[in-house]
């Protein structure tokens, strides 16, 4: 049978479903082996499926997994898992590991699965995006997944926001959490402090002061508003310790720091006595993002 060329559409901005359906290496309903053609749904033996080596989440709650297993015993698999075919009677998970593990617990021999084709980078990207779209991820897990998409999948921040369906401000807020000390990141991960607490702490440059306020949050059960007030009180003391910016090299360094901080090219002009700082924006949404960083 002659193969028909299929024009692919960009998967940007449409999440995991778009990646699964428009994977550059996939052609629907074209056989990748003797049986179970790509783009089809098949009943596949669990013993023929290996887990995804790119799965960004290694821990699954045992109680929740058992509850899912009990549901599968009664209702069966409602949503098929997604796999790629490696060879005859050998598959690898792309998404759906909880359903896969719960089905094994339930004693199933076969499981319904979409058969797709994907290279290693697409596997990683699909696994990360599915992971991000889960509702029970903590903020640090989301931030780490964003970081992996940027570094390992070679995405730009604009592309990342489109892939995961989030605006640039939201992505930036999560990424900034990774600049916090490990103790504070662990507290975010374990939900001992909220995202609001963390965003207030990020604005403090001194790690020691971050940790001091963090300890007070835990010991005094401080609200986000109280933490924000504590952080504002730190600002005068922090600013008075600053040395005046004088040389062109210092201005250039500061310009680069502000550009990195705001995610847009900041321009500083100075004649040694006075000057101006320009922070450009390309849309109302971009302006709101900058205002949010400035806490205005």
C-alpha atoms as a PDB file:
ATOM      1  CA  UNK A   1       0.000   0.000   0.000  1.00  0.00           C
ATOM      2  CA  UNK A   2       1.409   3.420  -0.886  1.00  0.00           C
ATOM      3  CA  UNK A   3       1.961   5.719   2.071  1.00  0.00           C
ATOM      4  CA  UNK A   4       0.305   9.112   1.913  1.00  0.00           C
ATOM      5  CA  UNK A   5       2.234  12.066   3.226  1.00  0.00           C
ATOM      6  CA  UNK A   6       0.484  13.726   6.121  1.00  0.00           C
ATOM      7  CA  UNK A   7       1.000  17.408   6.830  1.00  0.00           C
ATOM      8  CA  UNK A   8       1.808  17.963  10.489  1.00  0.00           C
ATOM      9  CA  UNK A   9       0.537  20.934  12.495  1.00  0.00           C
ATOM     10  CA  UNK A  10       2.497  22.601  15.244  1.00  0.00           C
ATOM     11  CA  UNK A  11       1.743  21.224  18.703  1.00  0.00           C
ATOM     12  CA  UNK A  12       2.467  24.549  20.399  1.00  0.00           C
ATOM     13  CA  UNK A  13      -0.176  25.700  22.848  1.00  0.00           C
ATOM     14  CA  UNK A  14      -2.267  22.537  22.795  1.00  0.00           C
ATOM     15  CA  UNK A  15      -0.666  20.509  25.577  1.00  0.00           C
ATOM     16  CA  UNK A  16      -0.146  16.767  25.801  1.00  0.00           C
ATOM     17  CA  UNK A  17      -2.992  15.852  23.473  1.00  0.00           C
ATOM     18  CA  UNK A  18      -1.436  17.856  20.664  1.00  0.00           C
ATOM     19  CA  UNK A  19       1.942  16.255  21.199  1.00  0.00           C
ATOM     20  CA  UNK A  20       0.416  12.793  21.118  1.00  0.00           C
ATOM     21  CA  UNK A  21      -1.603  13.430  17.980  1.00  0.00           C
ATOM     22  CA  UNK A  22       0.876  15.557  16.044  1.00  0.00           C
ATOM     23  CA  UNK A  23       4.175  13.958  17.000  1.00  0.00           C
ATOM     24  CA  UNK A  24       6.575  14.697  14.119  1.00  0.00           C
ATOM     25  CA  UNK A  25       7.553  11.066  13.823  1.00  0.00           C
ATOM     26  CA  UNK A  26       3.995   9.681  13.921  1.00  0.00           C
ATOM     27  CA  UNK A  27       1.664   8.844  11.104  1.00  0.00           C
ATOM     28  CA  UNK A  28      -1.785   7.670  12.097  1.00  0.00           C
ATOM     29  CA  UNK A  29      -2.978   4.206  11.136  1.00  0.00           C
ATOM     30  CA  UNK A  30       0.361   3.253   9.576  1.00  0.00           C
ATOM     31  CA  UNK A  31       1.708  -0.066  10.821  1.00  0.00           C
ATOM     32  CA  UNK A  32       4.890  -0.055  12.904  1.00  0.00           C
ATOM     33  CA  UNK A  33       5.056  -3.829  13.025  1.00  0.00           C
ATOM     34  CA  UNK A  34       3.142  -7.026  12.410  1.00  0.00           C
ATOM     35  CA  UNK A  35       0.191  -5.917  14.588  1.00  0.00           C
ATOM     36  CA  UNK A  36      -1.166  -2.992  16.612  1.00  0.00           C
ATOM     37  CA  UNK A  37      -0.593  -0.163  14.086  1.00  0.00           C
ATOM     38  CA  UNK A  38       0.375   3.310  15.264  1.00  0.00           C
ATOM     39  CA  UNK A  39      -2.620   5.544  15.924  1.00  0.00           C
ATOM     40  CA  UNK A  40      -4.848   2.635  16.978  1.00  0.00           C
ATOM     41  CA  UNK A  41      -6.241   1.498  20.339  1.00  0.00           C
ATOM     42  CA  UNK A  42      -5.390  -2.078  21.296  1.00  0.00           C
ATOM     43  CA  UNK A  43      -5.617  -4.489  24.191  1.00  0.00           C
ATOM     44  CA  UNK A  44      -1.971  -5.116  25.133  1.00  0.00           C
ATOM     45  CA  UNK A  45      -0.554  -7.575  27.662  1.00  0.00           C
ATOM     46  CA  UNK A  46       0.800  -5.760  30.735  1.00  0.00           C
ATOM     47  CA  UNK A  47       3.814  -8.067  30.623  1.00  0.00           C
ATOM     48  CA  UNK A  48       4.745  -6.601  27.212  1.00  0.00           C
ATOM     49  CA  UNK A  49       4.901  -3.012  28.510  1.00  0.00           C
ATOM     50  CA  UNK A  50       7.916  -1.452  30.196  1.00  0.00           C
ATOM     51  CA  UNK A  51       7.760   1.747  32.227  1.00  0.00           C
ATOM     52  CA  UNK A  52       8.805   5.118  30.878  1.00  0.00           C
ATOM     53  CA  UNK A  53      12.493   5.810  31.727  1.00  0.00           C
ATOM     54  CA  UNK A  54      11.745   9.514  31.289  1.00  0.00           C
ATOM     55  CA  UNK A  55       8.950   9.524  33.895  1.00  0.00           C
ATOM     56  CA  UNK A  56       9.709  12.641  35.966  1.00  0.00           C
ATOM     57  CA  UNK A  57       7.819  11.334  39.001  1.00  0.00           C
ATOM     58  CA  UNK A  58       9.197   8.280  40.784  1.00  0.00           C
ATOM     59  CA  UNK A  59       6.877   8.238  43.827  1.00  0.00           C
ATOM     60  CA  UNK A  60       3.214   7.242  43.687  1.00  0.00           C
ATOM     61  CA  UNK A  61       1.007   7.373  46.782  1.00  0.00           C
ATOM     62  CA  UNK A  62       0.292   3.741  47.739  1.00  0.00           C
ATOM     63  CA  UNK A  63      -3.149   4.450  49.183  1.00  0.00           C
ATOM     64  CA  UNK A  64      -4.268   6.426  46.123  1.00  0.00           C
ATOM     65  CA  UNK A  65      -2.868   3.697  43.862  1.00  0.00           C
ATOM     66  CA  UNK A  66      -4.845   1.035  45.761  1.00  0.00           C
ATOM     67  CA  UNK A  67      -8.032   3.127  45.471  1.00  0.00           C
ATOM     68  CA  UNK A  68      -7.508   3.385  41.720  1.00  0.00           C
ATOM     69  CA  UNK A  69      -6.895  -0.363  41.551  1.00  0.00           C
ATOM     70  CA  UNK A  70     -10.163  -1.068  43.399  1.00  0.00           C
ATOM     71  CA  UNK A  71     -11.998   1.250  40.988  1.00  0.00           C
ATOM     72  CA  UNK A  72     -10.467  -0.545  37.985  1.00  0.00           C
ATOM     73  CA  UNK A  73     -11.673  -3.890  39.329  1.00  0.00           C
ATOM     74  CA  UNK A  74     -15.237  -2.546  39.280  1.00  0.00           C
ATOM     75  CA  UNK A  75     -15.267  -0.096  36.360  1.00  0.00           C
ATOM     76  CA  UNK A  76     -12.347  -1.276  34.215  1.00  0.00           C
ATOM     77  CA  UNK A  77      -9.984   1.151  32.449  1.00  0.00           C
ATOM     78  CA  UNK A  78     -11.977   4.212  31.353  1.00  0.00           C
ATOM     79  CA  UNK A  79      -9.080   6.089  29.717  1.00  0.00           C
ATOM     80  CA  UNK A  80      -6.508   4.058  27.761  1.00  0.00           C
ATOM     81  CA  UNK A  81      -2.818   4.469  28.504  1.00  0.00           C
ATOM     82  CA  UNK A  82      -0.457   5.627  25.731  1.00  0.00           C
ATOM     83  CA  UNK A  83       2.543   3.581  24.593  1.00  0.00           C
ATOM     84  CA  UNK A  84       5.130   3.524  21.848  1.00  0.00           C
ATOM     85  CA  UNK A  85       6.038   0.305  20.084  1.00  0.00           C
ATOM     86  CA  UNK A  86       9.672  -0.725  20.414  1.00  0.00           C
ATOM     87  CA  UNK A  87       9.591  -4.101  18.640  1.00  0.00           C
ATOM     88  CA  UNK A  88       7.396  -7.159  18.236  1.00  0.00           C
ATOM     89  CA  UNK A  89       5.361  -7.616  21.436  1.00  0.00           C
ATOM     90  CA  UNK A  90       7.378  -4.936  23.253  1.00  0.00           C
ATOM     91  CA  UNK A  91       6.050  -1.494  24.212  1.00  0.00           C
ATOM     92  CA  UNK A  92       7.078   1.449  26.377  1.00  0.00           C
ATOM     93  CA  UNK A  93       4.791   3.749  28.346  1.00  0.00           C
ATOM     94  CA  UNK A  94       4.419   7.348  27.203  1.00  0.00           C
ATOM     95  CA  UNK A  95       1.711   8.312  29.693  1.00  0.00           C
ATOM     96  CA  UNK A  96      -0.587   6.607  32.169  1.00  0.00           C
ATOM     97  CA  UNK A  97       1.817   4.972  34.630  1.00  0.00           C
ATOM     98  CA  UNK A  98      -0.639   5.189  37.554  1.00  0.00           C
ATOM     99  CA  UNK A  99      -3.272   3.348  35.497  1.00  0.00           C
ATOM    100  CA  UNK A 100      -0.626   0.844  34.419  1.00  0.00           C
ATOM    101  CA  UNK A 101       0.565   0.156  37.995  1.00  0.00           C
ATOM    102  CA  UNK A 102      -2.998   0.067  39.367  1.00  0.00           C
ATOM    103  CA  UNK A 103      -4.020  -2.403  36.661  1.00  0.00           C
ATOM    104  CA  UNK A 104      -1.220  -4.732  37.721  1.00  0.00           C
ATOM    105  CA  UNK A 105      -2.408  -4.446  41.330  1.00  0.00           C
ATOM    106  CA  UNK A 106      -5.939  -5.275  40.157  1.00  0.00           C
ATOM    107  CA  UNK A 107      -4.654  -8.467  38.540  1.00  0.00           C
ATOM    108  CA  UNK A 108      -5.418  -7.488  34.939  1.00  0.00           C
ATOM    109  CA  UNK A 109      -3.548  -9.261  32.162  1.00  0.00           C
ATOM    110  CA  UNK A 110      -4.308  -6.751  29.391  1.00  0.00           C
ATOM    111  CA  UNK A 111      -4.893  -3.012  29.233  1.00  0.00           C
ATOM    112  CA  UNK A 112      -6.319  -0.750  26.476  1.00  0.00           C
ATOM    113  CA  UNK A 113      -3.605   1.438  24.990  1.00  0.00           C
ATOM    114  CA  UNK A 114      -3.089   4.009  22.243  1.00  0.00           C
ATOM    115  CA  UNK A 115      -0.089   3.014  20.135  1.00  0.00           C
ATOM    116  CA  UNK A 116       2.067   5.984  19.143  1.00  0.00           C
ATOM    117  CA  UNK A 117       5.558   6.541  17.793  1.00  0.00           C
ATOM    118  CA  UNK A 118       7.919   8.990  19.480  1.00  0.00           C
ATOM    119  CA  UNK A 119      11.649   9.563  19.837  1.00  0.00           C
ATOM    120  CA  UNK A 120      13.375   9.935  23.214  1.00  0.00           C
ATOM    121  CA  UNK A 121      13.009  13.722  23.404  1.00  0.00           C
ATOM    122  CA  UNK A 122       9.307  13.536  22.564  1.00  0.00           C
ATOM    123  CA  UNK A 123       8.926  10.849  25.252  1.00  0.00           C
ATOM    124  CA  UNK A 124      10.484  13.143  27.841  1.00  0.00           C
ATOM    125  CA  UNK A 125       8.402  16.132  26.751  1.00  0.00           C
ATOM    126  CA  UNK A 126       5.153  14.153  26.799  1.00  0.00           C
ATOM    127  CA  UNK A 127       5.909  12.699  30.239  1.00  0.00           C
ATOM    128  CA  UNK A 128       6.790  16.105  31.681  1.00  0.00           C
ATOM    129  CA  UNK A 129       3.715  17.839  30.269  1.00  0.00           C
ATOM    130  CA  UNK A 130       1.412  15.087  31.491  1.00  0.00           C
ATOM    131  CA  UNK A 131       3.089  15.406  34.875  1.00  0.00           C
ATOM    132  CA  UNK A 132       2.538  19.178  34.990  1.00  0.00           C
ATOM    133  CA  UNK A 133      -1.131  18.805  34.058  1.00  0.00           C
ATOM    134  CA  UNK A 134      -1.763  16.620  37.116  1.00  0.00           C
ATOM    135  CA  UNK A 135      -3.752  18.492  39.754  1.00  0.00           C
ATOM    136  CA  UNK A 136      -1.924  17.053  42.787  1.00  0.00           C
ATOM    137  CA  UNK A 137       1.601  18.186  41.950  1.00  0.00           C
ATOM    138  CA  UNK A 138       3.273  20.482  44.461  1.00  0.00           C
ATOM    139  CA  UNK A 139       4.853  23.762  43.371  1.00  0.00           C
ATOM    140  CA  UNK A 140       8.435  22.457  43.488  1.00  0.00           C
ATOM    141  CA  UNK A 141       7.581  19.436  41.322  1.00  0.00           C
ATOM    142  CA  UNK A 142       5.991  21.791  38.795  1.00  0.00           C
ATOM    143  CA  UNK A 143       9.024  24.114  38.877  1.00  0.00           C
ATOM    144  CA  UNK A 144      11.435  21.218  38.347  1.00  0.00           C
ATOM    145  CA  UNK A 145       9.342  19.956  35.434  1.00  0.00           C
ATOM    146  CA  UNK A 146       9.399  23.432  33.873  1.00  0.00           C
ATOM    147  CA  UNK A 147      13.179  23.547  34.299  1.00  0.00           C
ATOM    148  CA  UNK A 148      13.623  20.172  32.592  1.00  0.00           C
ATOM    149  CA  UNK A 149      11.444  21.281  29.679  1.00  0.00           C
ATOM    150  CA  UNK A 150      13.611  24.367  29.258  1.00  0.00           C
ATOM    151  CA  UNK A 151      16.970  22.615  29.536  1.00  0.00           C
ATOM    152  CA  UNK A 152      16.454  19.060  28.302  1.00  0.00           C
ATOM    153  CA  UNK A 153      13.800  19.761  25.664  1.00  0.00           C
ATOM    154  CA  UNK A 154      15.487  22.980  24.548  1.00  0.00           C
ATOM    155  CA  UNK A 155      12.343  25.117  24.846  1.00  0.00           C
ATOM    156  CA  UNK A 156      12.240  28.879  25.300  1.00  0.00           C
ATOM    157  CA  UNK A 157      10.092  30.362  28.075  1.00  0.00           C
ATOM    158  CA  UNK A 158       7.509  31.605  25.559  1.00  0.00           C
ATOM    159  CA  UNK A 159       7.245  28.119  24.017  1.00  0.00           C
ATOM    160  CA  UNK A 160       7.076  26.530  27.455  1.00  0.00           C
ATOM    161  CA  UNK A 161       4.105  28.690  28.459  1.00  0.00           C
ATOM    162  CA  UNK A 162       2.286  27.745  25.271  1.00  0.00           C
ATOM    163  CA  UNK A 163       3.011  24.030  25.709  1.00  0.00           C
ATOM    164  CA  UNK A 164       1.699  23.853  29.266  1.00  0.00           C
ATOM    165  CA  UNK A 165      -1.137  26.361  28.785  1.00  0.00           C
ATOM    166  CA  UNK A 166       0.231  28.897  31.302  1.00  0.00           C
ATOM    167  CA  UNK A 167       1.189  32.536  30.868  1.00  0.00           C
ATOM    168  CA  UNK A 168       4.787  33.626  31.170  1.00  0.00           C
ATOM    169  CA  UNK A 169       4.227  35.220  34.592  1.00  0.00           C
ATOM    170  CA  UNK A 170       2.989  31.965  36.088  1.00  0.00           C
ATOM    171  CA  UNK A 171       5.904  29.999  34.633  1.00  0.00           C
ATOM    172  CA  UNK A 172       8.386  32.608  35.903  1.00  0.00           C
ATOM    173  CA  UNK A 173       6.908  32.544  39.418  1.00  0.00           C
ATOM    174  CA  UNK A 174       7.360  28.779  39.627  1.00  0.00           C
ATOM    175  CA  UNK A 175      10.897  28.895  38.224  1.00  0.00           C
ATOM    176  CA  UNK A 176      11.971  31.477  40.820  1.00  0.00           C
ATOM    177  CA  UNK A 177      11.129  28.996  43.598  1.00  0.00           C
ATOM    178  CA  UNK A 178      14.205  26.994  42.605  1.00  0.00           C
ATOM    179  CA  UNK A 179      16.411  29.904  43.730  1.00  0.00           C
ATOM    180  CA  UNK A 180      15.277  29.422  47.345  1.00  0.00           C
ATOM    181  CA  UNK A 181      17.411  27.449  49.859  1.00  0.00           C
ATOM    182  CA  UNK A 182      16.812  23.659  49.989  1.00  0.00           C
ATOM    183  CA  UNK A 183      15.085  23.831  53.397  1.00  0.00           C
ATOM    184  CA  UNK A 184      12.490  26.259  52.073  1.00  0.00           C
ATOM    185  CA  UNK A 185      12.012  24.263  48.861  1.00  0.00           C
ATOM    186  CA  UNK A 186      11.400  21.139  50.971  1.00  0.00           C
ATOM    187  CA  UNK A 187       8.790  23.018  53.025  1.00  0.00           C
ATOM    188  CA  UNK A 188       6.987  24.086  49.828  1.00  0.00           C
ATOM    189  CA  UNK A 189       7.126  20.511  48.549  1.00  0.00           C
ATOM    190  CA  UNK A 190       5.674  19.192  51.826  1.00  0.00           C
ATOM    191  CA  UNK A 191       3.022  22.001  51.877  1.00  0.00           C
ATOM    192  CA  UNK A 192       4.299  23.371  55.198  1.00  0.00           C
ATOM    193  CA  UNK A 193       4.348  26.823  53.597  1.00  0.00           C
ATOM    194  CA  UNK A 194       2.298  28.140  50.688  1.00  0.00           C
ATOM    195  CA  UNK A 195       3.248  29.534  47.302  1.00  0.00           C
ATOM    196  CA  UNK A 196       2.353  32.995  48.669  1.00  0.00           C
ATOM    197  CA  UNK A 197       4.864  32.636  51.515  1.00  0.00           C
ATOM    198  CA  UNK A 198       7.523  31.499  49.053  1.00  0.00           C
ATOM    199  CA  UNK A 199       6.951  34.378  46.636  1.00  0.00           C
ATOM    200  CA  UNK A 200       7.426  36.850  49.481  1.00  0.00           C
ATOM    201  CA  UNK A 201      10.652  35.171  50.599  1.00  0.00           C
ATOM    202  CA  UNK A 202      12.079  35.222  47.063  1.00  0.00           C
ATOM    203  CA  UNK A 203      12.273  39.018  47.128  1.00  0.00           C
ATOM    204  CA  UNK A 204      14.847  38.901  49.972  1.00  0.00           C
ATOM    205  CA  UNK A 205      18.399  38.668  48.648  1.00  0.00           C
ATOM    206  CA  UNK A 206      20.018  37.403  51.867  1.00  0.00           C
ATOM    207  CA  UNK A 207      19.683  33.646  52.337  1.00  0.00           C
ATOM    208  CA  UNK A 208      20.146  34.044  56.108  1.00  0.00           C
ATOM    209  CA  UNK A 209      17.234  36.498  56.283  1.00  0.00           C
ATOM    210  CA  UNK A 210      15.122  34.193  54.116  1.00  0.00           C
ATOM    211  CA  UNK A 211      15.764  31.351  56.545  1.00  0.00           C
ATOM    212  CA  UNK A 212      15.114  33.543  59.608  1.00  0.00           C
ATOM    213  CA  UNK A 213      11.683  34.568  58.320  1.00  0.00           C
ATOM    214  CA  UNK A 214      11.005  31.006  57.145  1.00  0.00           C
ATOM    215  CA  UNK A 215      11.594  29.728  60.708  1.00  0.00           C
ATOM    216  CA  UNK A 216       9.223  32.379  62.025  1.00  0.00           C
ATOM    217  CA  UNK A 217       6.559  31.302  59.525  1.00  0.00           C
ATOM    218  CA  UNK A 218       6.702  27.777  60.950  1.00  0.00           C
ATOM    219  CA  UNK A 219       7.011  28.673  64.630  1.00  0.00           C
ATOM    220  CA  UNK A 220       4.488  31.523  64.663  1.00  0.00           C
ATOM    221  CA  UNK A 221       2.162  30.232  61.915  1.00  0.00           C
ATOM    222  CA  UNK A 222       2.485  33.553  60.068  1.00  0.00           C
ATOM    223  CA  UNK A 223       0.014  34.444  57.319  1.00  0.00           C
ATOM    224  CA  UNK A 224       1.174  35.515  53.866  1.00  0.00           C
ATOM    225  CA  UNK A 225       0.212  39.127  54.648  1.00  0.00           C
ATOM    226  CA  UNK A 226       2.384  39.147  57.781  1.00  0.00           C
ATOM    227  CA  UNK A 227       5.308  37.689  55.873  1.00  0.00           C
ATOM    228  CA  UNK A 228       4.931  40.338  53.163  1.00  0.00           C
ATOM    229  CA  UNK A 229       5.018  43.016  55.890  1.00  0.00           C
ATOM    230  CA  UNK A 230       8.191  41.504  57.381  1.00  0.00           C
ATOM    231  CA  UNK A 231       9.792  41.475  53.941  1.00  0.00           C
ATOM    232  CA  UNK A 232       8.900  45.139  53.362  1.00  0.00           C
ATOM    233  CA  UNK A 233      10.564  46.016  56.661  1.00  0.00           C
ATOM    234  CA  UNK A 234      13.745  44.386  55.418  1.00  0.00           C
ATOM    235  CA  UNK A 235      13.869  46.571  52.305  1.00  0.00           C
ATOM    236  CA  UNK A 236      15.199  49.867  53.821  1.00  0.00           C
ATOM    237  CA  UNK A 237      18.017  48.111  55.668  1.00  0.00           C
ATOM    238  CA  UNK A 238      18.918  46.171  52.552  1.00  0.00           C
ATOM    239  CA  UNK A 239      18.896  49.224  50.287  1.00  0.00           C
ATOM    240  CA  UNK A 240      20.997  51.451  52.552  1.00  0.00           C
ATOM    241  CA  UNK A 241      23.806  48.909  52.458  1.00  0.00           C
ATOM    242  CA  UNK A 242      24.028  49.207  48.686  1.00  0.00           C
ATOM    243  CA  UNK A 243      26.930  51.075  47.165  1.00  0.00           C
ATOM    244  CA  UNK A 244      26.051  53.685  44.541  1.00  0.00           C
ATOM    245  CA  UNK A 245      26.320  52.557  40.937  1.00  0.00           C
ATOM    246  CA  UNK A 246      28.903  54.691  39.193  1.00  0.00           C
ATOM    247  CA  UNK A 247      30.940  52.976  36.491  1.00  0.00           C
ATOM    248  CA  UNK A 248      29.721  51.926  33.076  1.00  0.00           C
ATOM    249  CA  UNK A 249      30.620  48.318  33.902  1.00  0.00           C
ATOM    250  CA  UNK A 250      28.465  48.403  37.042  1.00  0.00           C
ATOM    251  CA  UNK A 251      25.563  49.827  35.058  1.00  0.00           C
ATOM    252  CA  UNK A 252      25.977  47.125  32.406  1.00  0.00           C
ATOM    253  CA  UNK A 253      25.993  44.413  35.088  1.00  0.00           C
ATOM    254  CA  UNK A 254      22.916  45.889  36.727  1.00  0.00           C
ATOM    255  CA  UNK A 255      21.198  46.118  33.344  1.00  0.00           C
ATOM    256  CA  UNK A 256      21.866  42.395  32.750  1.00  0.00           C
ATOM    257  CA  UNK A 257      20.568  41.498  36.214  1.00  0.00           C
ATOM    258  CA  UNK A 258      17.349  43.444  35.680  1.00  0.00           C
ATOM    259  CA  UNK A 259      16.906  41.929  32.217  1.00  0.00           C
ATOM    260  CA  UNK A 260      17.167  38.445  33.714  1.00  0.00           C
ATOM    261  CA  UNK A 261      14.849  39.356  36.599  1.00  0.00           C
ATOM    262  CA  UNK A 262      12.069  40.842  34.467  1.00  0.00           C
ATOM    263  CA  UNK A 263      12.425  38.532  31.471  1.00  0.00           C
ATOM    264  CA  UNK A 264      12.646  41.468  29.061  1.00  0.00           C
ATOM    265  CA  UNK A 265      15.490  43.668  27.833  1.00  0.00           C
ATOM    266  CA  UNK A 266      15.900  46.465  30.415  1.00  0.00           C
ATOM    267  CA  UNK A 267      17.796  49.587  29.351  1.00  0.00           C
ATOM    268  CA  UNK A 268      19.609  51.914  31.787  1.00  0.00           C
ATOM    269  CA  UNK A 269      20.896  55.364  30.805  1.00  0.00           C
ATOM    270  CA  UNK A 270      22.989  57.463  33.179  1.00  0.00           C
ATOM    271  CA  UNK A 271      25.292  60.483  32.961  1.00  0.00           C
ATOM    272  CA  UNK A 272      26.833  59.742  36.360  1.00  0.00           C
ATOM    273  CA  UNK A 273      24.376  61.907  38.285  1.00  0.00           C
ATOM    274  CA  UNK A 274      20.955  61.082  36.951  1.00  0.00           C
ATOM    275  CA  UNK A 275      19.360  58.782  34.390  1.00  0.00           C
ATOM    276  CA  UNK A 276      16.448  56.500  33.621  1.00  0.00           C
ATOM    277  CA  UNK A 277      15.497  52.837  33.584  1.00  0.00           C
ATOM    278  CA  UNK A 278      13.292  51.587  30.756  1.00  0.00           C
ATOM    279  CA  UNK A 279      11.393  48.292  31.094  1.00  0.00           C
ATOM    280  CA  UNK A 280       9.652  47.615  27.761  1.00  0.00           C
ATOM    281  CA  UNK A 281       6.523  45.478  27.414  1.00  0.00           C
ATOM    282  CA  UNK A 282       4.870  44.066  24.305  1.00  0.00           C
ATOM    283  CA  UNK A 283       1.284  43.651  25.511  1.00  0.00           C
ATOM    284  CA  UNK A 284      -1.072  44.366  28.403  1.00  0.00           C
ATOM    285  CA  UNK A 285      -0.462  40.829  29.632  1.00  0.00           C
ATOM    286  CA  UNK A 286       3.293  41.450  29.567  1.00  0.00           C
ATOM    287  CA  UNK A 287       2.794  44.719  31.503  1.00  0.00           C
ATOM    288  CA  UNK A 288       0.742  42.883  34.133  1.00  0.00           C
ATOM    289  CA  UNK A 289       3.519  40.294  34.407  1.00  0.00           C
ATOM    290  CA  UNK A 290       6.086  43.052  35.114  1.00  0.00           C
ATOM    291  CA  UNK A 291       3.766  44.732  37.635  1.00  0.00           C
ATOM    292  CA  UNK A 292       3.312  41.415  39.418  1.00  0.00           C
ATOM    293  CA  UNK A 293       7.093  41.003  39.711  1.00  0.00           C
ATOM    294  CA  UNK A 294       7.227  44.538  41.146  1.00  0.00           C
ATOM    295  CA  UNK A 295       4.399  43.588  43.584  1.00  0.00           C
ATOM    296  CA  UNK A 296       2.324  46.557  42.358  1.00  0.00           C
END
